[in-house]
Structure formats: structure tokens, C-alpha cells
């Protein structure tokens, strides 16, 4: 009895060790660029900074492709959701972003050689959706969606925010979905010696993200007035203050301000 329990415990530990890399969450991912910061805590694998140059920072979102990957099964329904917190550094603003990726699909339907029997079947659906919201107010900044059915080949998508003027922090959410279902063709032949025999031609429905998503965030420095602009502004304020003071002075003595 003790030996049986020990074997069960050892097997459970081994299974847990195998599954741990897939289900354990990574620490909060924090990435700093020259003009903004990137944070997320929804990661099984850490996202990475691909490039940071000329006011554009590109991040690789690897977990989406890990979750929306075909696994050679007759039926699957895979989902992914991630949220990414972006904040411009002091002296900068976010002027826009793009989120790009692509699904790849392939349908193969099994058939009998002569078309007899029950035909095979296959179908697939993919969906991607994104939204950006101001972190403080919750105001919507941008959104977009993509859908493909029974895709043969590649279906690329790019979500563009349009022009933003964002100095505060905001969150970009991405949700993805990949579904596939396949059934084999089945037909029967008859052999005089062995009798009836069933035959199968298997179908497949592939739908998956082809590569990690790429999130590119565009920033620019806030305008800083030139020194001469400061001087002109101060001069104008001084002149305006002088005018106000003169208007507030009481009438000089000896001046009759009454009218008969």
C-alpha cells in the first residue's frame, strides 16, 4: 500500500514539474525605453523590446502566439488575453501606436477514393480584438478587430490607433481566439474473405498565430519654448501688469469728476 501511494506521489510531482513551465506566471515585466515605460503582469514568458529608435519603440508579445498555436487535434478552442500598461516619460508624449500580427490557416478535408461513404469535414475561425483606454479616466482612445473563417494561407492584420496626444499612462488590451474542428471521411469496403472493413481519411483544420504580436509605440518630445520666447512672454506680462496698475489708481486731487 505504501509503495503504491509513493508511486502515485512521485508521478504527481513529475507531472507538475512538466506542466509548471506552461502554467507558471512570470514576474511582472517592466521595460524602459528612451521615452516610455512598458509594464504587464499577464505573462508566462517575458515580453521583449525589439527596437527603440527615432521615436518608435517596438515590443514582441510572445505569449499570444504561445496560446494561439495549433496542436494537431481534431477539435480545439484556444483563447488569449493580455493587457499592457504604457506610460510616457516626463517631457514626452505618445502620438500613436500599431499592433500587428497574422493568422495562418490550412483546411484539409478527407475523402474516399471514389467519393463513397461519409465525407470528411473541417472548419476554422480566428478573431482578434484590441482596445486602448486612459489609465486614469478610463476614456477610450482606440479599438479595432479582425476575423477570418476557413482561412487558407496567411491573414495579416494591423491595428492603428490614429493620432494620439497622450501624456498620461494608458492600457492596451489584446484578446485573441482560434477555433478549429475536423472530422474524417469514412467508407466501407467488402472483402469476401474478411468481410466489411472501414477506412478513414483524416481531415485537419489549422488556425494559429504565425508569429509573436508586435506592438510599436510612437512618441515625441514635448515642445519647449526657446529662451527668447520666455523673454517676450515676461515682457508682455510686465506691460500688462503696468496697464492694470494705472487703471486702478485713484483720480488725482483737484480733478472734479462730478457732472452737473
C-alpha atoms as a PDB file:
ATOM      1  CA  UNK A   1       0.000   0.000   0.000  1.00  0.00           C
ATOM      2  CA  UNK A   2       2.772   2.411   0.949  1.00  0.00           C
ATOM      3  CA  UNK A   3       4.652   1.595  -2.278  1.00  0.00           C
ATOM      4  CA  UNK A   4       1.540   2.325  -4.354  1.00  0.00           C
ATOM      5  CA  UNK A   5       0.981   5.688  -2.631  1.00  0.00           C
ATOM      6  CA  UNK A   6       4.644   6.590  -3.086  1.00  0.00           C
ATOM      7  CA  UNK A   7       4.453   5.818  -6.816  1.00  0.00           C
ATOM      8  CA  UNK A   8       1.349   7.988  -7.127  1.00  0.00           C
ATOM      9  CA  UNK A   9       3.048  10.865  -5.307  1.00  0.00           C
ATOM     10  CA  UNK A  10       6.171  10.609  -7.442  1.00  0.00           C
ATOM     11  CA  UNK A  11       4.050  10.558 -10.609  1.00  0.00           C
ATOM     12  CA  UNK A  12       2.095  13.625  -9.470  1.00  0.00           C
ATOM     13  CA  UNK A  13       5.314  15.529  -8.783  1.00  0.00           C
ATOM     14  CA  UNK A  14       6.694  14.583 -12.209  1.00  0.00           C
ATOM     15  CA  UNK A  15       3.522  15.735 -13.961  1.00  0.00           C
ATOM     16  CA  UNK A  16       3.547  19.006 -12.013  1.00  0.00           C
ATOM     17  CA  UNK A  17       7.175  19.596 -12.988  1.00  0.00           C
ATOM     18  CA  UNK A  18       6.325  19.064 -16.656  1.00  0.00           C
ATOM     19  CA  UNK A  19       3.331  21.398 -16.552  1.00  0.00           C
ATOM     20  CA  UNK A  20       4.941  24.109 -14.418  1.00  0.00           C
ATOM     21  CA  UNK A  21       6.744  25.902 -17.288  1.00  0.00           C
ATOM     22  CA  UNK A  22       3.454  26.245 -19.163  1.00  0.00           C
ATOM     23  CA  UNK A  23       1.236  27.459 -16.333  1.00  0.00           C
ATOM     24  CA  UNK A  24       3.599  29.385 -14.065  1.00  0.00           C
ATOM     25  CA  UNK A  25       3.323  33.138 -14.466  1.00  0.00           C
ATOM     26  CA  UNK A  26       6.451  35.182 -14.895  1.00  0.00           C
ATOM     27  CA  UNK A  27       7.243  38.113 -12.627  1.00  0.00           C
ATOM     28  CA  UNK A  28       5.808  41.458 -13.619  1.00  0.00           C
ATOM     29  CA  UNK A  29       7.514  42.522 -16.843  1.00  0.00           C
ATOM     30  CA  UNK A  30       8.936  46.049 -16.760  1.00  0.00           C
ATOM     31  CA  UNK A  31      10.731  47.508 -19.786  1.00  0.00           C
ATOM     32  CA  UNK A  32      12.187  51.002 -20.019  1.00  0.00           C
ATOM     33  CA  UNK A  33      12.843  52.766 -23.300  1.00  0.00           C
ATOM     34  CA  UNK A  34      14.247  56.201 -24.034  1.00  0.00           C
ATOM     35  CA  UNK A  35      10.790  57.821 -23.961  1.00  0.00           C
ATOM     36  CA  UNK A  36       8.323  55.479 -22.227  1.00  0.00           C
ATOM     37  CA  UNK A  37       7.868  52.516 -19.896  1.00  0.00           C
ATOM     38  CA  UNK A  38       6.101  49.192 -20.586  1.00  0.00           C
ATOM     39  CA  UNK A  39       4.577  47.025 -17.847  1.00  0.00           C
ATOM     40  CA  UNK A  40       2.497  43.857 -17.784  1.00  0.00           C
ATOM     41  CA  UNK A  41       1.825  41.105 -15.282  1.00  0.00           C
ATOM     42  CA  UNK A  42      -0.041  38.737 -17.610  1.00  0.00           C
ATOM     43  CA  UNK A  43       2.998  36.856 -18.884  1.00  0.00           C
ATOM     44  CA  UNK A  44       4.006  33.213 -18.945  1.00  0.00           C
ATOM     45  CA  UNK A  45       7.082  34.324 -20.888  1.00  0.00           C
ATOM     46  CA  UNK A  46       8.541  37.833 -20.603  1.00  0.00           C
ATOM     47  CA  UNK A  47       7.772  40.225 -23.438  1.00  0.00           C
ATOM     48  CA  UNK A  48      10.868  41.805 -25.008  1.00  0.00           C
ATOM     49  CA  UNK A  49      11.962  45.108 -26.517  1.00  0.00           C
ATOM     50  CA  UNK A  50      12.784  44.592 -30.204  1.00  0.00           C
ATOM     51  CA  UNK A  51      13.921  48.116 -31.096  1.00  0.00           C
ATOM     52  CA  UNK A  52      13.971  51.653 -29.744  1.00  0.00           C
ATOM     53  CA  UNK A  53      14.978  54.323 -32.245  1.00  0.00           C
ATOM     54  CA  UNK A  54      13.700  57.505 -33.894  1.00  0.00           C
ATOM     55  CA  UNK A  55      10.740  57.900 -31.575  1.00  0.00           C
ATOM     56  CA  UNK A  56       9.413  54.356 -32.098  1.00  0.00           C
ATOM     57  CA  UNK A  57       9.674  51.505 -29.576  1.00  0.00           C
ATOM     58  CA  UNK A  58       8.646  48.001 -30.700  1.00  0.00           C
ATOM     59  CA  UNK A  59       7.775  45.202 -28.255  1.00  0.00           C
ATOM     60  CA  UNK A  60       7.413  41.480 -29.011  1.00  0.00           C
ATOM     61  CA  UNK A  61       4.326  39.968 -27.347  1.00  0.00           C
ATOM     62  CA  UNK A  62       5.324  36.315 -27.269  1.00  0.00           C
ATOM     63  CA  UNK A  63       2.543  34.913 -25.106  1.00  0.00           C
ATOM     64  CA  UNK A  64      -0.161  35.446 -27.700  1.00  0.00           C
ATOM     65  CA  UNK A  65       1.492  33.092 -30.184  1.00  0.00           C
ATOM     66  CA  UNK A  66       2.162  30.550 -27.412  1.00  0.00           C
ATOM     67  CA  UNK A  67      -1.542  30.366 -26.561  1.00  0.00           C
ATOM     68  CA  UNK A  68      -2.993  30.631 -30.073  1.00  0.00           C
ATOM     69  CA  UNK A  69      -0.999  27.773 -31.568  1.00  0.00           C
ATOM     70  CA  UNK A  70      -2.398  24.721 -33.392  1.00  0.00           C
ATOM     71  CA  UNK A  71      -1.688  21.441 -31.577  1.00  0.00           C
ATOM     72  CA  UNK A  72      -2.680  18.817 -34.152  1.00  0.00           C
ATOM     73  CA  UNK A  73      -6.063  17.919 -32.687  1.00  0.00           C
ATOM     74  CA  UNK A  74      -9.463  17.333 -34.284  1.00  0.00           C
ATOM     75  CA  UNK A  75     -11.081  19.974 -32.070  1.00  0.00           C
ATOM     76  CA  UNK A  76      -9.674  22.985 -30.219  1.00  0.00           C
ATOM     77  CA  UNK A  77     -10.792  26.320 -28.866  1.00  0.00           C
ATOM     78  CA  UNK A  78      -7.817  28.478 -27.855  1.00  0.00           C
ATOM     79  CA  UNK A  79      -8.027  31.929 -26.273  1.00  0.00           C
ATOM     80  CA  UNK A  80      -5.575  34.591 -25.138  1.00  0.00           C
ATOM     81  CA  UNK A  81      -5.934  37.888 -23.294  1.00  0.00           C
ATOM     82  CA  UNK A  82      -3.225  40.375 -22.373  1.00  0.00           C
ATOM     83  CA  UNK A  83      -3.053  43.921 -21.029  1.00  0.00           C
ATOM     84  CA  UNK A  84      -0.055  46.229 -21.463  1.00  0.00           C
ATOM     85  CA  UNK A  85       0.456  49.403 -19.433  1.00  0.00           C
ATOM     86  CA  UNK A  86       2.294  52.191 -21.258  1.00  0.00           C
ATOM     87  CA  UNK A  87       3.458  55.478 -19.786  1.00  0.00           C
ATOM     88  CA  UNK A  88       5.363  58.309 -21.477  1.00  0.00           C
ATOM     89  CA  UNK A  89       8.386  59.610 -19.617  1.00  0.00           C
ATOM     90  CA  UNK A  90       8.467  63.193 -18.377  1.00  0.00           C
ATOM     91  CA  UNK A  91       8.971  65.526 -21.322  1.00  0.00           C
ATOM     92  CA  UNK A  92       7.427  63.116 -23.850  1.00  0.00           C
ATOM     93  CA  UNK A  93       4.005  62.223 -25.200  1.00  0.00           C
ATOM     94  CA  UNK A  94       2.634  59.203 -27.076  1.00  0.00           C
ATOM     95  CA  UNK A  95       1.430  60.149 -30.558  1.00  0.00           C
ATOM     96  CA  UNK A  96       0.091  56.737 -31.613  1.00  0.00           C
ATOM     97  CA  UNK A  97       0.683  53.001 -31.754  1.00  0.00           C
ATOM     98  CA  UNK A  98       0.207  49.993 -34.011  1.00  0.00           C
ATOM     99  CA  UNK A  99      -0.431  46.371 -33.033  1.00  0.00           C
ATOM    100  CA  UNK A 100       0.275  43.896 -35.814  1.00  0.00           C
ATOM    101  CA  UNK A 101       0.262  40.157 -36.339  1.00  0.00           C
ATOM    102  CA  UNK A 102      -1.186  37.477 -38.567  1.00  0.00           C
ATOM    103  CA  UNK A 103      -3.028  34.169 -38.526  1.00  0.00           C
ATOM    104  CA  UNK A 104      -2.133  31.240 -40.726  1.00  0.00           C
ATOM    105  CA  UNK A 105      -4.742  28.674 -41.707  1.00  0.00           C
ATOM    106  CA  UNK A 106      -4.980  25.429 -43.653  1.00  0.00           C
ATOM    107  CA  UNK A 107      -8.038  23.222 -44.226  1.00  0.00           C
ATOM    108  CA  UNK A 108      -7.673  19.653 -45.438  1.00  0.00           C
ATOM    109  CA  UNK A 109     -10.817  17.595 -45.924  1.00  0.00           C
ATOM    110  CA  UNK A 110     -10.623  13.811 -46.057  1.00  0.00           C
ATOM    111  CA  UNK A 111     -12.304  11.975 -48.947  1.00  0.00           C
ATOM    112  CA  UNK A 112     -12.744   8.414 -50.072  1.00  0.00           C
ATOM    113  CA  UNK A 113     -11.098   7.464 -53.373  1.00  0.00           C
ATOM    114  CA  UNK A 114     -14.432   7.101 -55.177  1.00  0.00           C
ATOM    115  CA  UNK A 115     -16.481   9.621 -53.200  1.00  0.00           C
ATOM    116  CA  UNK A 116     -18.478   6.968 -51.382  1.00  0.00           C
ATOM    117  CA  UNK A 117     -19.192   6.812 -47.675  1.00  0.00           C
ATOM    118  CA  UNK A 118     -19.394   9.715 -45.247  1.00  0.00           C
ATOM    119  CA  UNK A 119     -17.362  12.739 -46.376  1.00  0.00           C
ATOM    120  CA  UNK A 120     -14.927  14.440 -44.063  1.00  0.00           C
ATOM    121  CA  UNK A 121     -15.318  17.994 -42.813  1.00  0.00           C
ATOM    122  CA  UNK A 122     -13.240  20.873 -41.450  1.00  0.00           C
ATOM    123  CA  UNK A 123     -13.838  24.454 -40.327  1.00  0.00           C
ATOM    124  CA  UNK A 124     -11.878  27.132 -38.518  1.00  0.00           C
ATOM    125  CA  UNK A 125     -12.408  30.626 -37.113  1.00  0.00           C
ATOM    126  CA  UNK A 126      -9.978  33.246 -35.820  1.00  0.00           C
ATOM    127  CA  UNK A 127     -10.720  36.522 -34.108  1.00  0.00           C
ATOM    128  CA  UNK A 128      -8.533  39.326 -32.746  1.00  0.00           C
ATOM    129  CA  UNK A 129      -9.656  42.415 -30.855  1.00  0.00           C
ATOM    130  CA  UNK A 130      -7.833  45.321 -29.256  1.00  0.00           C
ATOM    131  CA  UNK A 131      -8.693  48.420 -27.240  1.00  0.00           C
ATOM    132  CA  UNK A 132      -6.790  51.277 -25.576  1.00  0.00           C
ATOM    133  CA  UNK A 133      -8.016  53.223 -22.553  1.00  0.00           C
ATOM    134  CA  UNK A 134      -6.659  56.082 -20.492  1.00  0.00           C
ATOM    135  CA  UNK A 135      -5.395  54.556 -17.237  1.00  0.00           C
ATOM    136  CA  UNK A 136      -6.740  57.361 -15.038  1.00  0.00           C
ATOM    137  CA  UNK A 137     -10.125  58.199 -16.566  1.00  0.00           C
ATOM    138  CA  UNK A 138     -10.931  55.011 -18.467  1.00  0.00           C
ATOM    139  CA  UNK A 139     -11.684  57.036 -21.601  1.00  0.00           C
ATOM    140  CA  UNK A 140     -11.471  55.049 -24.841  1.00  0.00           C
ATOM    141  CA  UNK A 141      -8.563  56.011 -27.069  1.00  0.00           C
ATOM    142  CA  UNK A 142      -8.707  53.409 -29.867  1.00  0.00           C
ATOM    143  CA  UNK A 143     -10.125  49.998 -30.794  1.00  0.00           C
ATOM    144  CA  UNK A 144     -10.072  47.504 -33.664  1.00  0.00           C
ATOM    145  CA  UNK A 145     -10.982  43.947 -34.605  1.00  0.00           C
ATOM    146  CA  UNK A 146     -10.160  41.239 -37.161  1.00  0.00           C
ATOM    147  CA  UNK A 147     -11.925  37.996 -38.070  1.00  0.00           C
ATOM    148  CA  UNK A 148     -11.204  35.166 -40.502  1.00  0.00           C
ATOM    149  CA  UNK A 149     -13.110  31.978 -41.298  1.00  0.00           C
ATOM    150  CA  UNK A 150     -11.752  28.857 -43.016  1.00  0.00           C
ATOM    151  CA  UNK A 151      -8.508  30.685 -43.774  1.00  0.00           C
ATOM    152  CA  UNK A 152      -6.245  29.183 -46.428  1.00  0.00           C
ATOM    153  CA  UNK A 153      -2.832  30.816 -46.196  1.00  0.00           C
ATOM    154  CA  UNK A 154      -1.971  33.935 -44.230  1.00  0.00           C
ATOM    155  CA  UNK A 155      -4.269  36.651 -42.903  1.00  0.00           C
ATOM    156  CA  UNK A 156      -2.283  39.629 -41.615  1.00  0.00           C
ATOM    157  CA  UNK A 157      -3.781  42.403 -39.510  1.00  0.00           C
ATOM    158  CA  UNK A 158      -2.604  45.773 -38.197  1.00  0.00           C
ATOM    159  CA  UNK A 159      -4.499  47.849 -35.673  1.00  0.00           C
ATOM    160  CA  UNK A 160      -3.551  51.552 -35.810  1.00  0.00           C
ATOM    161  CA  UNK A 161      -4.619  53.914 -33.049  1.00  0.00           C
ATOM    162  CA  UNK A 162      -4.654  57.027 -35.183  1.00  0.00           C
ATOM    163  CA  UNK A 163      -3.200  60.273 -33.874  1.00  0.00           C
ATOM    164  CA  UNK A 164      -2.891  60.443 -30.076  1.00  0.00           C
ATOM    165  CA  UNK A 165      -1.757  63.234 -27.775  1.00  0.00           C
ATOM    166  CA  UNK A 166      -1.250  61.139 -24.662  1.00  0.00           C
ATOM    167  CA  UNK A 167       0.984  62.376 -21.853  1.00  0.00           C
ATOM    168  CA  UNK A 168      -0.625  60.195 -19.170  1.00  0.00           C
ATOM    169  CA  UNK A 169      -0.479  56.434 -18.801  1.00  0.00           C
ATOM    170  CA  UNK A 170      -2.803  54.194 -20.831  1.00  0.00           C
ATOM    171  CA  UNK A 171      -3.551  50.482 -21.234  1.00  0.00           C
ATOM    172  CA  UNK A 172      -3.631  48.452 -24.451  1.00  0.00           C
ATOM    173  CA  UNK A 173      -5.666  45.237 -24.294  1.00  0.00           C
ATOM    174  CA  UNK A 174      -5.483  42.395 -26.830  1.00  0.00           C
ATOM    175  CA  UNK A 175      -7.770  39.373 -26.985  1.00  0.00           C
ATOM    176  CA  UNK A 176      -7.450  36.529 -29.470  1.00  0.00           C
ATOM    177  CA  UNK A 177      -9.420  33.411 -30.302  1.00  0.00           C
ATOM    178  CA  UNK A 178      -8.682  30.406 -32.542  1.00  0.00           C
ATOM    179  CA  UNK A 179     -11.148  27.580 -33.129  1.00  0.00           C
ATOM    180  CA  UNK A 180     -10.946  24.506 -35.311  1.00  0.00           C
ATOM    181  CA  UNK A 181     -12.948  21.331 -35.832  1.00  0.00           C
ATOM    182  CA  UNK A 182     -12.299  18.418 -38.193  1.00  0.00           C
ATOM    183  CA  UNK A 183     -13.907  15.030 -38.870  1.00  0.00           C
ATOM    184  CA  UNK A 184     -12.592  12.167 -41.028  1.00  0.00           C
ATOM    185  CA  UNK A 185     -14.124  10.683 -44.136  1.00  0.00           C
ATOM    186  CA  UNK A 186     -15.315   7.116 -43.503  1.00  0.00           C
ATOM    187  CA  UNK A 187     -16.152   4.474 -46.089  1.00  0.00           C
ATOM    188  CA  UNK A 188     -16.546   0.727 -46.121  1.00  0.00           C
ATOM    189  CA  UNK A 189     -15.239  -1.938 -48.465  1.00  0.00           C
ATOM    190  CA  UNK A 190     -16.145  -5.620 -48.514  1.00  0.00           C
ATOM    191  CA  UNK A 191     -13.665  -8.436 -48.771  1.00  0.00           C
ATOM    192  CA  UNK A 192     -15.087 -11.935 -49.458  1.00  0.00           C
ATOM    193  CA  UNK A 193     -12.587 -13.477 -47.092  1.00  0.00           C
ATOM    194  CA  UNK A 194     -12.590 -10.959 -44.218  1.00  0.00           C
ATOM    195  CA  UNK A 195     -15.922  -9.241 -44.638  1.00  0.00           C
ATOM    196  CA  UNK A 196     -16.578  -5.458 -44.332  1.00  0.00           C
ATOM    197  CA  UNK A 197     -13.749  -3.107 -43.457  1.00  0.00           C
ATOM    198  CA  UNK A 198     -13.918   0.556 -42.532  1.00  0.00           C
ATOM    199  CA  UNK A 199     -11.438   3.054 -43.983  1.00  0.00           C
ATOM    200  CA  UNK A 200     -10.602   6.583 -42.834  1.00  0.00           C
ATOM    201  CA  UNK A 201      -9.160   9.697 -44.459  1.00  0.00           C
ATOM    202  CA  UNK A 202      -8.467  12.261 -41.778  1.00  0.00           C
ATOM    203  CA  UNK A 203      -9.221  15.960 -42.057  1.00  0.00           C
ATOM    204  CA  UNK A 204      -7.449  18.859 -40.356  1.00  0.00           C
ATOM    205  CA  UNK A 205      -8.301  22.466 -39.533  1.00  0.00           C
ATOM    206  CA  UNK A 206      -5.233  24.569 -38.777  1.00  0.00           C
ATOM    207  CA  UNK A 207      -5.680  28.076 -37.380  1.00  0.00           C
ATOM    208  CA  UNK A 208      -2.965  29.798 -35.358  1.00  0.00           C
ATOM    209  CA  UNK A 209      -0.928  32.953 -34.961  1.00  0.00           C
ATOM    210  CA  UNK A 210       2.128  32.695 -37.164  1.00  0.00           C
ATOM    211  CA  UNK A 211       4.495  34.909 -35.104  1.00  0.00           C
ATOM    212  CA  UNK A 212       4.550  36.965 -31.885  1.00  0.00           C
ATOM    213  CA  UNK A 213       2.477  40.142 -31.987  1.00  0.00           C
ATOM    214  CA  UNK A 214       4.407  43.379 -32.472  1.00  0.00           C
ATOM    215  CA  UNK A 215       3.361  46.479 -30.537  1.00  0.00           C
ATOM    216  CA  UNK A 216       5.015  49.684 -31.809  1.00  0.00           C
ATOM    217  CA  UNK A 217       4.518  52.864 -29.796  1.00  0.00           C
ATOM    218  CA  UNK A 218       5.366  56.263 -31.281  1.00  0.00           C
ATOM    219  CA  UNK A 219       6.500  59.151 -29.096  1.00  0.00           C
ATOM    220  CA  UNK A 220       7.847  62.653 -29.465  1.00  0.00           C
ATOM    221  CA  UNK A 221       9.327  65.221 -27.120  1.00  0.00           C
ATOM    222  CA  UNK A 222       7.055  67.913 -25.763  1.00  0.00           C
ATOM    223  CA  UNK A 223       7.668  71.360 -27.230  1.00  0.00           C
ATOM    224  CA  UNK A 224       9.957  73.519 -25.040  1.00  0.00           C
ATOM    225  CA  UNK A 225       9.813  77.313 -25.653  1.00  0.00           C
ATOM    226  CA  UNK A 226      13.060  78.953 -26.775  1.00  0.00           C
ATOM    227  CA  UNK A 227      14.779  81.420 -24.355  1.00  0.00           C
ATOM    228  CA  UNK A 228      13.758  84.432 -26.438  1.00  0.00           C
ATOM    229  CA  UNK A 229      10.137  83.248 -26.273  1.00  0.00           C
ATOM    230  CA  UNK A 230      10.372  83.234 -22.477  1.00  0.00           C
ATOM    231  CA  UNK A 231      11.778  86.791 -22.550  1.00  0.00           C
ATOM    232  CA  UNK A 232       8.984  88.043 -24.811  1.00  0.00           C
ATOM    233  CA  UNK A 233       6.366  86.412 -22.596  1.00  0.00           C
ATOM    234  CA  UNK A 234       7.789  88.002 -19.433  1.00  0.00           C
ATOM    235  CA  UNK A 235       7.964  91.405 -21.130  1.00  0.00           C
ATOM    236  CA  UNK A 236       4.351  91.164 -22.220  1.00  0.00           C
ATOM    237  CA  UNK A 237       3.237  90.169 -18.717  1.00  0.00           C
ATOM    238  CA  UNK A 238       5.128  93.133 -17.226  1.00  0.00           C
ATOM    239  CA  UNK A 239       3.475  95.579 -19.640  1.00  0.00           C
ATOM    240  CA  UNK A 240       0.065  94.130 -18.915  1.00  0.00           C
ATOM    241  CA  UNK A 241       0.629  94.461 -15.148  1.00  0.00           C
ATOM    242  CA  UNK A 242       1.620  98.117 -15.598  1.00  0.00           C
ATOM    243  CA  UNK A 243      -1.557  98.903 -17.520  1.00  0.00           C
ATOM    244  CA  UNK A 244      -3.686  97.261 -14.852  1.00  0.00           C
ATOM    245  CA  UNK A 245      -1.965  99.219 -12.084  1.00  0.00           C
ATOM    246  CA  UNK A 246      -2.501 102.547 -13.893  1.00  0.00           C
ATOM    247  CA  UNK A 247      -6.189 101.835 -14.354  1.00  0.00           C
ATOM    248  CA  UNK A 248      -6.606 101.092 -10.655  1.00  0.00           C
ATOM    249  CA  UNK A 249      -5.001 104.405  -9.411  1.00  0.00           C
ATOM    250  CA  UNK A 250      -7.474 106.828  -7.747  1.00  0.00           C
ATOM    251  CA  UNK A 251      -8.231 110.134  -9.511  1.00  0.00           C
ATOM    252  CA  UNK A 252      -5.653 112.847  -8.813  1.00  0.00           C
ATOM    253  CA  UNK A 253      -6.555 115.504  -6.230  1.00  0.00           C
ATOM    254  CA  UNK A 254      -8.167 118.674  -7.608  1.00  0.00           C
ATOM    255  CA  UNK A 255      -9.817 116.975 -10.530  1.00  0.00           C
ATOM    256  CA  UNK A 256     -13.555 117.330 -10.484  1.00  0.00           C
ATOM    257  CA  UNK A 257     -15.117 114.105 -11.660  1.00  0.00           C
ATOM    258  CA  UNK A 258     -18.712 115.080 -10.988  1.00  0.00           C
ATOM    259  CA  UNK A 259     -21.081 116.333 -13.649  1.00  0.00           C
ATOM    260  CA  UNK A 260     -23.927 118.784 -13.167  1.00  0.00           C
END
